[in-house]
Amino acid sequence: MDDCLFCKILKGEIPSEKIYEDDKVYAFKDIAPMAKYHFLFIPKEHGQNINDVSDFNTIFEAIKKVVAEYNFTDDGYRVVTNVNKFGGQTVFHTHFHLLAGEQLTGFGR
């Protein structure tokens, strides 16, 4: 999509700090981190949100690889996706946030 922020990142029109890439997934550092480590994982094929995703395995395999590389497994981490307006989605390209590196609060018990 021509006006999609993440599609522009994938095309190299907007710079990003890549942390992972394979043939289907691209991951980069969030420019407004909400944790010590805050990475975004996006499929290379545009879809608005998880309602458009038929294969979650590729994204979660990429997340698992980065989690292992950065040694987040023992201390823990959070994976979040926002869906549409009420879910807080602001960029309408499917994406997952990986937050780690410090004690996270605000969800669950």
N, C-alpha and C. Protein backbone atom coordinates (compact mmCIF):
# COMPACT_ATOMS: atom_id res chain seq x y z
N MET A 1 0.84 -1.19 0.00
CA MET A 1 0.00 0.00 0.00
C MET A 1 0.88 1.25 0.00
N ASP A 2 0.55 2.18 -0.81
CA ASP A 2 1.39 3.36 -1.00
C ASP A 2 1.49 4.27 0.22
N ASP A 3 0.43 4.35 1.03
CA ASP A 3 0.43 5.27 2.16
C ASP A 3 0.71 4.58 3.49
N CYS A 4 1.04 3.30 3.49
CA CYS A 4 1.27 2.54 4.72
C CYS A 4 2.69 2.77 5.23
N LEU A 5 2.81 3.22 6.47
CA LEU A 5 4.10 3.49 7.10
C LEU A 5 5.02 2.27 7.05
N PHE A 6 4.49 1.10 7.43
CA PHE A 6 5.33 -0.09 7.49
C PHE A 6 5.70 -0.59 6.09
N CYS A 7 4.81 -0.42 5.12
CA CYS A 7 5.17 -0.78 3.74
C CYS A 7 6.30 0.12 3.25
N LYS A 8 6.28 1.40 3.64
CA LYS A 8 7.36 2.31 3.26
C LYS A 8 8.67 1.89 3.92
N ILE A 9 8.61 1.41 5.15
CA ILE A 9 9.82 0.90 5.82
C ILE A 9 10.35 -0.31 5.06
N LEU A 10 9.46 -1.22 4.69
CA LEU A 10 9.88 -2.41 3.94
C LEU A 10 10.52 -2.05 2.60
N LYS A 11 10.03 -1.00 1.96
CA LYS A 11 10.58 -0.56 0.67
C LYS A 11 11.87 0.24 0.83
N GLY A 12 12.25 0.58 2.08
CA GLY A 12 13.45 1.37 2.32
C GLY A 12 13.23 2.87 2.16
N GLU A 13 11.98 3.28 2.03
CA GLU A 13 11.66 4.70 1.89
C GLU A 13 11.74 5.45 3.22
N ILE A 14 11.57 4.72 4.31
CA ILE A 14 11.69 5.27 5.66
C ILE A 14 12.72 4.41 6.38
N PRO A 15 13.71 5.02 7.03
CA PRO A 15 14.74 4.23 7.70
C PRO A 15 14.20 3.51 8.94
N SER A 16 14.82 2.38 9.26
CA SER A 16 14.51 1.64 10.48
C SER A 16 15.78 0.93 10.92
N GLU A 17 15.80 0.56 12.18
CA GLU A 17 16.95 -0.17 12.72
C GLU A 17 16.58 -1.65 12.79
N LYS A 18 16.96 -2.37 11.74
CA LYS A 18 16.60 -3.78 11.60
C LYS A 18 17.26 -4.62 12.69
N ILE A 19 16.46 -5.57 13.24
CA ILE A 19 17.02 -6.55 14.17
C ILE A 19 16.86 -7.97 13.66
N TYR A 20 15.97 -8.14 12.66
CA TYR A 20 15.73 -9.48 12.12
C TYR A 20 15.06 -9.35 10.76
N GLU A 21 15.39 -10.29 9.86
CA GLU A 21 14.70 -10.34 8.58
C GLU A 21 14.82 -11.73 7.99
N ASP A 22 13.71 -12.21 7.44
CA ASP A 22 13.74 -13.41 6.62
C ASP A 22 12.85 -13.14 5.41
N ASP A 23 12.48 -14.15 4.67
CA ASP A 23 11.73 -13.90 3.44
C ASP A 23 10.29 -13.45 3.68
N LYS A 24 9.76 -13.63 4.90
CA LYS A 24 8.37 -13.27 5.16
C LYS A 24 8.17 -12.25 6.28
N VAL A 25 9.18 -12.05 7.12
CA VAL A 25 9.03 -11.20 8.31
C VAL A 25 10.20 -10.22 8.40
N TYR A 26 9.90 -9.02 8.83
CA TYR A 26 10.90 -7.99 9.09
C TYR A 26 10.67 -7.48 10.51
N ALA A 27 11.74 -7.30 11.28
CA ALA A 27 11.63 -6.78 12.64
C ALA A 27 12.61 -5.65 12.84
N PHE A 28 12.18 -4.65 13.59
CA PHE A 28 13.00 -3.47 13.80
C PHE A 28 12.68 -2.84 15.15
N LYS A 29 13.58 -1.95 15.60
CA LYS A 29 13.40 -1.26 16.87
C LYS A 29 12.30 -0.21 16.75
N ASP A 30 11.44 -0.15 17.75
CA ASP A 30 10.39 0.87 17.79
C ASP A 30 11.04 2.22 18.05
N ILE A 31 10.58 3.26 17.36
CA ILE A 31 11.18 4.60 17.53
C ILE A 31 10.70 5.30 18.80
N ALA A 32 9.66 4.77 19.44
CA ALA A 32 9.16 5.32 20.71
C ALA A 32 9.01 4.16 21.69
N PRO A 33 10.14 3.61 22.16
CA PRO A 33 10.08 2.39 22.97
C PRO A 33 9.32 2.57 24.29
N MET A 34 8.58 1.51 24.63
CA MET A 34 7.82 1.49 25.87
C MET A 34 8.43 0.51 26.87
N ALA A 35 9.61 0.01 26.57
CA ALA A 35 10.38 -0.87 27.44
C ALA A 35 11.84 -0.75 27.01
N LYS A 36 12.72 -1.32 27.83
CA LYS A 36 14.15 -1.27 27.49
C LYS A 36 14.39 -1.80 26.08
N TYR A 37 13.74 -2.90 25.75
CA TYR A 37 13.77 -3.44 24.40
C TYR A 37 12.34 -3.43 23.87
N HIS A 38 12.13 -2.80 22.74
CA HIS A 38 10.81 -2.73 22.12
C HIS A 38 10.99 -2.88 20.62
N PHE A 39 10.63 -4.06 20.14
CA PHE A 39 10.80 -4.39 18.73
C PHE A 39 9.44 -4.60 18.08
N LEU A 40 9.35 -4.28 16.80
CA LEU A 40 8.14 -4.51 16.01
C LEU A 40 8.42 -5.59 14.98
N PHE A 41 7.51 -6.53 14.86
CA PHE A 41 7.59 -7.62 13.89
C PHE A 41 6.44 -7.45 12.91
N ILE A 42 6.78 -7.35 11.62
CA ILE A 42 5.75 -7.14 10.61
C ILE A 42 5.90 -8.17 9.49
N PRO A 43 4.78 -8.67 9.00
CA PRO A 43 4.87 -9.52 7.82
C PRO A 43 5.20 -8.64 6.61
N LYS A 44 5.93 -9.19 5.66
CA LYS A 44 6.28 -8.42 4.47
C LYS A 44 5.07 -8.23 3.55
N GLU A 45 4.11 -9.10 3.67
CA GLU A 45 2.88 -8.95 2.90
C GLU A 45 1.91 -8.10 3.70
N HIS A 46 1.38 -7.06 3.07
CA HIS A 46 0.49 -6.14 3.78
C HIS A 46 -0.84 -6.82 4.11
N GLY A 47 -1.26 -6.61 5.33
CA GLY A 47 -2.58 -6.96 5.82
C GLY A 47 -2.89 -5.96 6.91
N GLN A 48 -4.13 -5.62 7.13
CA GLN A 48 -4.47 -4.55 8.07
C GLN A 48 -4.16 -4.93 9.51
N ASN A 49 -4.51 -6.14 9.93
CA ASN A 49 -4.25 -6.58 11.31
C ASN A 49 -4.39 -8.10 11.36
N ILE A 50 -4.43 -8.68 12.54
CA ILE A 50 -4.44 -10.14 12.64
C ILE A 50 -5.68 -10.78 12.04
N ASN A 51 -6.72 -10.01 11.83
CA ASN A 51 -7.90 -10.54 11.14
C ASN A 51 -7.58 -10.94 9.71
N ASP A 52 -6.49 -10.43 9.16
CA ASP A 52 -6.08 -10.74 7.79
C ASP A 52 -4.96 -11.78 7.72
N VAL A 53 -4.55 -12.32 8.87
CA VAL A 53 -3.42 -13.25 8.90
C VAL A 53 -3.93 -14.69 8.86
N SER A 54 -3.37 -15.48 7.96
CA SER A 54 -3.74 -16.89 7.90
C SER A 54 -2.65 -17.79 8.47
N ASP A 55 -1.42 -17.26 8.58
CA ASP A 55 -0.30 -18.05 9.07
C ASP A 55 0.46 -17.26 10.14
N PHE A 56 0.20 -17.60 11.39
CA PHE A 56 0.88 -16.93 12.50
C PHE A 56 2.25 -17.53 12.78
N ASN A 57 2.47 -18.75 12.31
CA ASN A 57 3.72 -19.45 12.62
C ASN A 57 4.95 -18.67 12.19
N THR A 58 4.93 -18.05 11.03
CA THR A 58 6.13 -17.37 10.54
C THR A 58 6.50 -16.20 11.45
N ILE A 59 5.53 -15.45 11.90
CA ILE A 59 5.82 -14.31 12.78
C ILE A 59 6.31 -14.81 14.14
N PHE A 60 5.62 -15.81 14.70
CA PHE A 60 6.02 -16.27 16.02
C PHE A 60 7.34 -17.04 16.00
N GLU A 61 7.67 -17.68 14.91
CA GLU A 61 9.00 -18.30 14.80
C GLU A 61 10.08 -17.21 14.77
N ALA A 62 9.82 -16.11 14.09
CA ALA A 62 10.77 -14.99 14.07
C ALA A 62 10.91 -14.41 15.48
N ILE A 63 9.81 -14.24 16.17
CA ILE A 63 9.85 -13.72 17.54
C ILE A 63 10.67 -14.66 18.43
N LYS A 64 10.44 -15.96 18.32
CA LYS A 64 11.19 -16.93 19.13
C LYS A 64 12.70 -16.84 18.86
N LYS A 65 13.08 -16.64 17.61
CA LYS A 65 14.50 -16.53 17.28
C LYS A 65 15.12 -15.30 17.93
N VAL A 66 14.42 -14.18 17.88
CA VAL A 66 14.95 -12.95 18.49
C VAL A 66 14.98 -13.08 20.01
N VAL A 67 13.95 -13.67 20.59
CA VAL A 67 13.92 -13.89 22.04
C VAL A 67 15.13 -14.71 22.47
N ALA A 68 15.45 -15.76 21.72
CA ALA A 68 16.62 -16.59 22.05
C ALA A 68 17.92 -15.80 21.85
N GLU A 69 18.00 -15.05 20.77
CA GLU A 69 19.22 -14.28 20.47
C GLU A 69 19.50 -13.24 21.56
N TYR A 70 18.46 -12.59 22.06
CA TYR A 70 18.62 -11.56 23.07
C TYR A 70 18.53 -12.09 24.50
N ASN A 71 18.37 -13.39 24.65
CA ASN A 71 18.31 -14.04 25.97
C ASN A 71 17.17 -13.52 26.85
N PHE A 72 15.98 -13.35 26.25
CA PHE A 72 14.81 -12.90 27.01
C PHE A 72 14.05 -14.05 27.66
N THR A 73 14.37 -15.29 27.30
CA THR A 73 13.57 -16.43 27.71
C THR A 73 13.42 -16.54 29.22
N ASP A 74 14.50 -16.47 29.97
CA ASP A 74 14.42 -16.67 31.42
C ASP A 74 13.73 -15.54 32.15
N ASP A 75 14.07 -14.30 31.84
CA ASP A 75 13.47 -13.16 32.54
C ASP A 75 12.04 -12.89 32.08
N GLY A 76 11.74 -13.21 30.84
CA GLY A 76 10.40 -13.03 30.31
C GLY A 76 10.28 -11.83 29.38
N TYR A 77 9.15 -11.76 28.72
CA TYR A 77 8.89 -10.73 27.73
C TYR A 77 7.39 -10.70 27.47
N ARG A 78 6.97 -9.72 26.70
CA ARG A 78 5.56 -9.57 26.33
C ARG A 78 5.46 -9.41 24.82
N VAL A 79 4.45 -10.07 24.23
CA VAL A 79 4.12 -9.90 22.82
C VAL A 79 2.70 -9.37 22.75
N VAL A 80 2.52 -8.25 22.04
CA VAL A 80 1.22 -7.58 21.99
C VAL A 80 0.91 -7.20 20.54
N THR A 81 -0.37 -7.30 20.19
CA THR A 81 -0.83 -6.73 18.93
C THR A 81 -2.12 -5.96 19.21
N ASN A 82 -2.26 -4.84 18.57
CA ASN A 82 -3.45 -4.01 18.73
C ASN A 82 -4.30 -4.16 17.47
N VAL A 83 -5.61 -4.27 17.64
CA VAL A 83 -6.50 -4.51 16.51
C VAL A 83 -7.57 -3.43 16.43
N ASN A 84 -7.52 -2.68 15.37
CA ASN A 84 -8.51 -1.64 15.05
C ASN A 84 -8.59 -0.56 16.13
N LYS A 85 -9.50 0.37 15.96
CA LYS A 85 -9.58 1.58 16.78
C LYS A 85 -9.70 1.28 18.28
N PHE A 86 -10.65 0.47 18.67
CA PHE A 86 -10.86 0.22 20.10
C PHE A 86 -9.71 -0.57 20.71
N GLY A 87 -8.97 -1.30 19.90
CA GLY A 87 -7.80 -2.04 20.39
C GLY A 87 -6.54 -1.20 20.44
N GLY A 88 -6.62 0.05 19.99
CA GLY A 88 -5.47 0.95 20.05
C GLY A 88 -4.56 0.90 18.85
N GLN A 89 -4.99 0.28 17.76
CA GLN A 89 -4.15 0.20 16.57
C GLN A 89 -4.05 1.57 15.90
N THR A 90 -2.82 1.99 15.61
CA THR A 90 -2.61 3.28 14.95
C THR A 90 -1.94 3.14 13.58
N VAL A 91 -1.23 2.04 13.36
CA VAL A 91 -0.66 1.76 12.04
C VAL A 91 -1.37 0.51 11.53
N PHE A 92 -2.05 0.64 10.42
CA PHE A 92 -2.90 -0.43 9.93
C PHE A 92 -2.18 -1.35 8.95
N HIS A 93 -1.13 -1.96 9.48
CA HIS A 93 -0.36 -3.03 8.85
C HIS A 93 -0.13 -4.00 10.00
N THR A 94 -0.47 -5.26 9.82
CA THR A 94 -0.32 -6.23 10.89
C THR A 94 1.06 -6.11 11.53
N HIS A 95 1.09 -6.03 12.86
CA HIS A 95 2.37 -5.98 13.55
C HIS A 95 2.23 -6.45 14.99
N PHE A 96 3.34 -6.94 15.50
CA PHE A 96 3.42 -7.43 16.87
C PHE A 96 4.55 -6.69 17.58
N HIS A 97 4.27 -6.27 18.80
CA HIS A 97 5.27 -5.61 19.65
C HIS A 97 5.90 -6.67 20.54
N LEU A 98 7.21 -6.67 20.63
CA LEU A 98 7.94 -7.48 21.59
C LEU A 98 8.58 -6.52 22.58
N LEU A 99 8.20 -6.65 23.85
CA LEU A 99 8.73 -5.78 24.90
C LEU A 99 9.47 -6.64 25.92
N ALA A 100 10.65 -6.19 26.33
CA ALA A 100 11.46 -7.00 27.24
C ALA A 100 12.55 -6.14 27.88
N GLY A 101 13.31 -6.78 28.78
CA GLY A 101 14.49 -6.14 29.35
C GLY A 101 14.27 -5.47 30.68
N GLU A 102 13.03 -5.47 31.16
CA GLU A 102 12.71 -4.87 32.45
C GLU A 102 11.37 -5.42 32.93
N GLN A 103 11.06 -5.18 34.19
CA GLN A 103 9.77 -5.61 34.74
C GLN A 103 8.65 -4.84 34.05
N LEU A 104 7.73 -5.57 33.44
CA LEU A 104 6.60 -4.94 32.74
C LEU A 104 5.37 -4.99 33.63
N THR A 105 4.56 -3.95 33.58
CA THR A 105 3.34 -3.89 34.38
C THR A 105 2.17 -3.53 33.48
N GLY A 106 0.98 -3.61 34.02
CA GLY A 106 -0.18 -3.12 33.29
C GLY A 106 -1.11 -4.17 32.71
N PHE A 107 -0.68 -5.43 32.66
CA PHE A 107 -1.54 -6.51 32.14
C PHE A 107 -1.53 -7.67 33.10
N GLY A 108 -2.66 -8.33 33.22
CA GLY A 108 -2.74 -9.60 33.93
C GLY A 108 -2.33 -9.53 35.39
N ARG A 109 -2.25 -10.72 35.94
CA ARG A 109 -1.89 -10.86 37.36
C ARG A 109 -0.88 -11.97 37.51
